């Protein structure tokens, strides 16, 4: 666990007061200059800002003392990152209401290329599959995937990012000392073990209350360059996150779905209002200028003789087309003259044999 200055411990204490909002903390710091002065004074000026309940919270925290705060941090393996520190997400610092501090379990990094993938807890198979595959392909391209660790689309997005070997960040609407929902505890651990992070602005013991999630959503969009909405009902919380992203000046994408499906209402509404269309990871990667520059770096690559001898004549034809440079699926369909389903089957066999790799945007390349 990192060490903290005297003032930083007081700031953590302020963050741990359950009834205080972001605005309360900002007003206290503006009025008193630092957190230690707030706890030293505890006067009518403080009461006028935070009310009786806030005063009771501060008294309780002051009585417990700094050791109790540090003990709780150590017990749950968490650190605190402050807004002015280099480790604090730079994108989050840009929004109008950035938290003064974040509780973090895992690795806090400057994710300058990051996509928030959000959607309904009551997901469909279609939405779950799309969230997983898009997140996986974004992760393969080196993009950090951000979501909320909730059931449904959030879970699929985190799982996809891990499958792609990438970094993913989970933003919770409860305290750092627990995972909600509980069934995602193992997922949260894998996120941390694979270079990601679980973060929250809520104090120890904070329950996942309904009003926490709209507050949490501004952080999901705030630490992301792009927001992608997969599924959601017309009045779902995903629209709150999309609204936060628009207010923060983020790029907003939506995945189209069946027009008669309830879960398509939110993305279709966003598309009508001007959101960008996303059908695969390449749509975002291309628009944002994040396509890897090494797509053509494997020009002239030679396939080992041993591997070549193991291919069918049809697969050799396909491999020959990829010798010079990677090919998109549509290009291979046109150049081979094969039906799309037959080509897809052959490419899958070649991928399973370790001959080719499937890159974001259905781009295929030789692995040797």
Foldseek 3Di string as FASTA:
>chain_A
DDDDDPQVLLVLLLLAQQQDDLVLVVVLCVVQVTSVSCLVDLDVVNCVRRNPSSSVSSVVSVVVDSVVVVVLCVVQVKDKDALPDPLPAPLLNLDPRRHRIKIKHAGRHHQPAEEEEDFDLPEDPVLLVQLLQQLLQCQLLAHEYEYALHHDSRVSNLNSNVNNLGAYEHEYLFASNADPPNVCPVSQVSNRVSRYMYMYSHHPPGDNDPVSVLVRLLVRLSSHQEYEYRWYACPDSVVSSVVSNVSSVHQYEYEADPPPDRRRHNRVVVVVVPHHYDDWNVVVCVVVVSGDPCQQVQAQPDDDPVVCVPDDPLVNVLQVVQRGGWDALVVSCVVSVDPSVVVVVSVVVCVVVQQWDQHTRRIIHGPD
